[in-house]
Amino acid sequence: QQLTATKAGRHMVRDRGTYVVLRELHRWEQDPAALAACEKLIQVLIGDEPGPGMENLLEVDIPEELEKELQRLDDEEKERWRQEEEEREAYGSTPHPEEPSR
């Protein structure tokens, strides 16, 4: 995701066909954290380019209240991953994706 922080990085990632790879990975990946990262990156790739002054997203000032809300949402997401992992361990296996059609 750091690669997509800059306008040039986002352009390079889009030009290399990364979306197609991520779309396929998303079908097969079982790890909730990897799936979430994949989904976030896809949103960056298919979303509109940020406006002027946001070419480098690492340099954007985020209001404190928004930063706290985003942190809360991240914490909730991590808790869901932990619960899903515990459920998979309790059942003793993980689901297997279907074979792709050829």
N, C-alpha and C. Protein backbone atom coordinates (compact mmCIF):
# COMPACT_ATOMS: atom_id res chain seq x y z
N GLN A 1 0.81 -1.19 0.00
CA GLN A 1 0.00 0.00 0.00
C GLN A 1 0.86 1.25 0.00
N GLN A 2 2.07 1.18 0.53
CA GLN A 2 2.95 2.34 0.53
C GLN A 2 3.25 2.78 -0.89
N LEU A 3 3.33 1.83 -1.80
CA LEU A 3 3.63 2.14 -3.19
C LEU A 3 2.54 3.02 -3.80
N THR A 4 1.32 2.89 -3.33
CA THR A 4 0.21 3.67 -3.88
C THR A 4 0.00 4.99 -3.15
N ALA A 5 0.92 5.36 -2.29
CA ALA A 5 0.79 6.62 -1.56
C ALA A 5 1.02 7.82 -2.47
N THR A 6 1.81 7.66 -3.52
CA THR A 6 2.08 8.77 -4.42
C THR A 6 1.35 8.59 -5.74
N LYS A 7 1.12 9.69 -6.40
CA LYS A 7 0.44 9.65 -7.70
C LYS A 7 1.23 8.81 -8.69
N ALA A 8 2.54 8.97 -8.73
CA ALA A 8 3.38 8.19 -9.65
C ALA A 8 3.31 6.70 -9.32
N GLY A 9 3.29 6.36 -8.03
CA GLY A 9 3.20 4.96 -7.63
C GLY A 9 1.86 4.36 -8.03
N ARG A 10 0.78 5.10 -7.82
CA ARG A 10 -0.54 4.60 -8.21
C ARG A 10 -0.62 4.38 -9.72
N HIS A 11 -0.04 5.30 -10.48
CA HIS A 11 -0.03 5.18 -11.93
C HIS A 11 0.74 3.92 -12.36
N MET A 12 1.90 3.70 -11.76
CA MET A 12 2.71 2.54 -12.10
C MET A 12 1.98 1.23 -11.77
N VAL A 13 1.37 1.17 -10.60
CA VAL A 13 0.66 -0.05 -10.18
C VAL A 13 -0.51 -0.33 -11.13
N ARG A 14 -1.24 0.70 -11.51
CA ARG A 14 -2.36 0.52 -12.45
C ARG A 14 -1.85 0.04 -13.81
N ASP A 15 -0.77 0.65 -14.31
CA ASP A 15 -0.24 0.31 -15.63
C ASP A 15 0.30 -1.12 -15.72
N ARG A 16 0.66 -1.69 -14.62
CA ARG A 16 1.25 -3.04 -14.63
C ARG A 16 0.19 -4.14 -14.50
N GLY A 17 -1.08 -3.77 -14.52
CA GLY A 17 -2.14 -4.77 -14.47
C GLY A 17 -2.33 -5.42 -13.11
N THR A 18 -1.97 -4.72 -12.07
CA THR A 18 -2.06 -5.27 -10.72
C THR A 18 -3.49 -5.61 -10.34
N TYR A 19 -4.46 -4.85 -10.83
CA TYR A 19 -5.85 -5.12 -10.48
C TYR A 19 -6.26 -6.54 -10.85
N VAL A 20 -5.87 -7.00 -12.03
CA VAL A 20 -6.23 -8.36 -12.48
C VAL A 20 -5.65 -9.41 -11.54
N VAL A 21 -4.41 -9.22 -11.13
CA VAL A 21 -3.77 -10.16 -10.20
C VAL A 21 -4.48 -10.16 -8.86
N LEU A 22 -4.80 -8.97 -8.35
CA LEU A 22 -5.47 -8.86 -7.05
C LEU A 22 -6.88 -9.47 -7.10
N ARG A 23 -7.55 -9.29 -8.21
CA ARG A 23 -8.89 -9.86 -8.37
C ARG A 23 -8.83 -11.39 -8.25
N GLU A 24 -7.85 -12.00 -8.88
CA GLU A 24 -7.69 -13.45 -8.80
C GLU A 24 -7.25 -13.89 -7.40
N LEU A 25 -6.31 -13.16 -6.82
CA LEU A 25 -5.85 -13.47 -5.46
C LEU A 25 -7.02 -13.43 -4.49
N HIS A 26 -7.89 -12.45 -4.65
CA HIS A 26 -9.03 -12.29 -3.74
C HIS A 26 -9.94 -13.52 -3.77
N ARG A 27 -10.02 -14.19 -4.91
CA ARG A 27 -10.85 -15.40 -5.01
C ARG A 27 -10.30 -16.57 -4.19
N TRP A 28 -8.98 -16.60 -4.01
CA TRP A 28 -8.33 -17.76 -3.40
C TRP A 28 -7.82 -17.53 -1.99
N GLU A 29 -7.50 -16.32 -1.66
CA GLU A 29 -6.88 -16.03 -0.36
C GLU A 29 -7.83 -16.38 0.78
N GLN A 30 -7.30 -17.01 1.81
CA GLN A 30 -8.09 -17.42 2.98
C GLN A 30 -7.83 -16.54 4.21
N ASP A 31 -6.67 -15.91 4.26
CA ASP A 31 -6.31 -15.11 5.43
C ASP A 31 -7.10 -13.81 5.44
N PRO A 32 -7.87 -13.55 6.48
CA PRO A 32 -8.70 -12.33 6.53
C PRO A 32 -7.88 -11.04 6.42
N ALA A 33 -6.70 -11.01 7.02
CA ALA A 33 -5.87 -9.81 6.95
C ALA A 33 -5.39 -9.56 5.52
N ALA A 34 -5.00 -10.62 4.83
CA ALA A 34 -4.55 -10.49 3.44
C ALA A 34 -5.72 -10.08 2.54
N LEU A 35 -6.89 -10.64 2.80
CA LEU A 35 -8.08 -10.26 2.03
C LEU A 35 -8.41 -8.78 2.22
N ALA A 36 -8.33 -8.31 3.45
CA ALA A 36 -8.63 -6.91 3.73
C ALA A 36 -7.63 -5.99 3.04
N ALA A 37 -6.35 -6.35 3.08
CA ALA A 37 -5.33 -5.55 2.41
C ALA A 37 -5.56 -5.53 0.91
N CYS A 38 -5.93 -6.68 0.37
CA CYS A 38 -6.23 -6.79 -1.05
C CYS A 38 -7.40 -5.89 -1.42
N GLU A 39 -8.45 -5.92 -0.63
CA GLU A 39 -9.64 -5.10 -0.90
C GLU A 39 -9.32 -3.61 -0.83
N LYS A 40 -8.51 -3.22 0.14
CA LYS A 40 -8.14 -1.81 0.27
C LYS A 40 -7.33 -1.34 -0.94
N LEU A 41 -6.41 -2.18 -1.39
CA LEU A 41 -5.60 -1.83 -2.54
C LEU A 41 -6.45 -1.75 -3.81
N ILE A 42 -7.39 -2.66 -3.94
CA ILE A 42 -8.30 -2.62 -5.09
C ILE A 42 -9.08 -1.31 -5.08
N GLN A 43 -9.55 -0.88 -3.92
CA GLN A 43 -10.28 0.38 -3.83
C GLN A 43 -9.43 1.57 -4.29
N VAL A 44 -8.15 1.54 -3.94
CA VAL A 44 -7.24 2.60 -4.39
C VAL A 44 -7.10 2.56 -5.91
N LEU A 45 -6.98 1.36 -6.46
CA LEU A 45 -6.75 1.23 -7.90
C LEU A 45 -7.97 1.59 -8.74
N ILE A 46 -9.16 1.29 -8.24
CA ILE A 46 -10.35 1.57 -9.05
C ILE A 46 -10.98 2.92 -8.70
N GLY A 47 -10.50 3.54 -7.63
CA GLY A 47 -11.07 4.82 -7.22
C GLY A 47 -10.56 5.98 -8.06
N ASP A 48 -11.21 7.11 -7.90
CA ASP A 48 -10.78 8.33 -8.57
C ASP A 48 -9.45 8.80 -7.97
N GLU A 49 -8.66 9.45 -8.79
CA GLU A 49 -7.39 10.01 -8.32
C GLU A 49 -7.70 11.16 -7.36
N PRO A 50 -7.01 11.21 -6.20
CA PRO A 50 -7.24 12.31 -5.25
C PRO A 50 -6.97 13.67 -5.90
N GLY A 51 -7.61 14.68 -5.36
CA GLY A 51 -7.51 16.03 -5.92
C GLY A 51 -6.17 16.70 -5.67
N PRO A 52 -6.05 17.94 -6.13
CA PRO A 52 -4.82 18.72 -5.94
C PRO A 52 -4.44 18.81 -4.46
N GLY A 53 -3.15 18.72 -4.22
CA GLY A 53 -2.64 18.77 -2.85
C GLY A 53 -2.60 17.42 -2.18
N MET A 54 -3.09 16.38 -2.86
CA MET A 54 -3.12 15.04 -2.27
C MET A 54 -2.34 14.05 -3.15
N GLU A 55 -1.37 14.56 -3.90
CA GLU A 55 -0.59 13.70 -4.77
C GLU A 55 0.20 12.67 -3.95
N ASN A 56 0.68 13.09 -2.77
CA ASN A 56 1.38 12.18 -1.87
C ASN A 56 0.52 12.02 -0.62
N LEU A 57 -0.14 10.90 -0.49
CA LEU A 57 -1.08 10.69 0.62
C LEU A 57 -0.39 10.57 1.97
N LEU A 58 0.92 10.31 1.97
CA LEU A 58 1.65 10.24 3.23
C LEU A 58 1.85 11.63 3.84
N GLU A 59 1.67 12.68 3.04
CA GLU A 59 1.89 14.05 3.50
C GLU A 59 0.59 14.79 3.81
N VAL A 60 -0.54 14.11 3.69
CA VAL A 60 -1.83 14.75 3.93
C VAL A 60 -2.09 14.84 5.43
N ASP A 61 -2.49 16.03 5.89
CA ASP A 61 -2.85 16.21 7.30
C ASP A 61 -4.25 15.67 7.53
N ILE A 62 -4.37 14.79 8.52
CA ILE A 62 -5.65 14.19 8.86
C ILE A 62 -6.10 14.78 10.20
N PRO A 63 -7.32 15.31 10.27
CA PRO A 63 -7.81 15.84 11.54
C PRO A 63 -7.79 14.76 12.63
N GLU A 64 -7.48 15.18 13.84
CA GLU A 64 -7.32 14.25 14.95
C GLU A 64 -8.55 13.37 15.17
N GLU A 65 -9.76 13.96 15.08
CA GLU A 65 -10.98 13.18 15.33
C GLU A 65 -11.17 12.12 14.24
N LEU A 66 -10.81 12.46 13.00
CA LEU A 66 -10.91 11.48 11.92
C LEU A 66 -9.88 10.37 12.09
N GLU A 67 -8.68 10.75 12.50
CA GLU A 67 -7.64 9.75 12.74
C GLU A 67 -8.06 8.77 13.84
N LYS A 68 -8.69 9.27 14.89
CA LYS A 68 -9.18 8.40 15.96
C LYS A 68 -10.26 7.46 15.45
N GLU A 69 -11.16 7.97 14.61
CA GLU A 69 -12.23 7.14 14.05
C GLU A 69 -11.66 6.05 13.14
N LEU A 70 -10.69 6.41 12.33
CA LEU A 70 -10.06 5.42 11.45
C LEU A 70 -9.33 4.36 12.27
N GLN A 71 -8.69 4.76 13.35
CA GLN A 71 -8.01 3.80 14.22
C GLN A 71 -9.02 2.86 14.87
N ARG A 72 -10.16 3.41 15.30
CA ARG A 72 -11.22 2.59 15.89
C ARG A 72 -11.71 1.55 14.88
N LEU A 73 -11.93 1.97 13.64
CA LEU A 73 -12.37 1.04 12.60
C LEU A 73 -11.32 -0.04 12.32
N ASP A 74 -10.05 0.35 12.31
CA ASP A 74 -8.98 -0.64 12.12
C ASP A 74 -8.97 -1.64 13.27
N ASP A 75 -9.15 -1.15 14.49
CA ASP A 75 -9.17 -2.05 15.65
C ASP A 75 -10.34 -3.03 15.57
N GLU A 76 -11.51 -2.54 15.14
CA GLU A 76 -12.67 -3.42 14.97
C GLU A 76 -12.40 -4.49 13.91
N GLU A 77 -11.77 -4.09 12.83
CA GLU A 77 -11.45 -5.03 11.76
C GLU A 77 -10.48 -6.11 12.26
N LYS A 78 -9.47 -5.71 12.99
CA LYS A 78 -8.51 -6.68 13.55
C LYS A 78 -9.20 -7.64 14.51
N GLU A 79 -10.15 -7.14 15.29
CA GLU A 79 -10.89 -8.01 16.22
C GLU A 79 -11.73 -9.02 15.45
N ARG A 80 -12.35 -8.59 14.34
CA ARG A 80 -13.11 -9.54 13.50
C ARG A 80 -12.19 -10.62 12.94
N TRP A 81 -10.99 -10.24 12.50
CA TRP A 81 -10.03 -11.23 11.97
C TRP A 81 -9.69 -12.24 13.05
N ARG A 82 -9.43 -11.71 14.27
CA ARG A 82 -9.06 -12.60 15.38
C ARG A 82 -10.18 -13.58 15.68
N GLN A 83 -11.42 -13.09 15.69
CA GLN A 83 -12.56 -13.96 15.97
C GLN A 83 -12.75 -15.01 14.87
N GLU A 84 -12.58 -14.60 13.62
CA GLU A 84 -12.71 -15.54 12.51
C GLU A 84 -11.63 -16.61 12.59
N GLU A 85 -10.42 -16.22 12.95
CA GLU A 85 -9.32 -17.18 13.08
C GLU A 85 -9.61 -18.16 14.21
N GLU A 86 -10.12 -17.67 15.32
CA GLU A 86 -10.47 -18.55 16.44
C GLU A 86 -11.56 -19.54 16.03
N GLU A 87 -12.55 -19.07 15.26
CA GLU A 87 -13.61 -19.96 14.80
C GLU A 87 -13.06 -21.04 13.87
N ARG A 88 -12.16 -20.67 12.98
CA ARG A 88 -11.56 -21.67 12.08
C ARG A 88 -10.76 -22.70 12.88
N GLU A 89 -10.02 -22.22 13.86
CA GLU A 89 -9.22 -23.15 14.68
C GLU A 89 -10.13 -24.07 15.49
N ALA A 90 -11.26 -23.55 15.94
CA ALA A 90 -12.19 -24.35 16.73
C ALA A 90 -12.79 -25.47 15.90
N TYR A 91 -13.00 -25.23 14.62
CA TYR A 91 -13.56 -26.25 13.74
C TYR A 91 -12.48 -27.16 13.17
N GLY A 92 -11.22 -26.80 13.35
CA GLY A 92 -10.13 -27.67 12.96
C GLY A 92 -9.74 -27.65 11.50
N SER A 93 -10.36 -26.80 10.71
CA SER A 93 -9.96 -26.73 9.31
C SER A 93 -10.38 -25.39 8.74
N THR A 94 -9.84 -25.11 7.56
CA THR A 94 -10.24 -23.91 6.85
C THR A 94 -10.93 -24.34 5.57
N PRO A 95 -11.89 -23.56 5.11
CA PRO A 95 -12.58 -23.93 3.87
C PRO A 95 -11.62 -23.83 2.69
N HIS A 96 -11.83 -24.70 1.72
CA HIS A 96 -11.00 -24.70 0.51
C HIS A 96 -11.81 -24.14 -0.64
N PRO A 97 -11.19 -23.23 -1.42
CA PRO A 97 -11.91 -22.68 -2.56
C PRO A 97 -12.13 -23.73 -3.64
N GLU A 98 -13.13 -23.51 -4.45
CA GLU A 98 -13.39 -24.42 -5.55
C GLU A 98 -12.31 -24.31 -6.60
N GLU A 99 -12.14 -25.38 -7.37
CA GLU A 99 -11.21 -25.33 -8.50
C GLU A 99 -11.74 -24.36 -9.53
N PRO A 100 -10.85 -23.57 -10.14
CA PRO A 100 -11.33 -22.66 -11.17
C PRO A 100 -11.76 -23.43 -12.41
N SER A 101 -12.72 -22.89 -13.12
CA SER A 101 -13.12 -23.52 -14.38
C SER A 101 -12.15 -23.12 -15.46
N ARG A 102 -11.87 -24.02 -16.35
CA ARG A 102 -10.89 -23.74 -17.42
C ARG A 102 -11.53 -23.77 -18.75
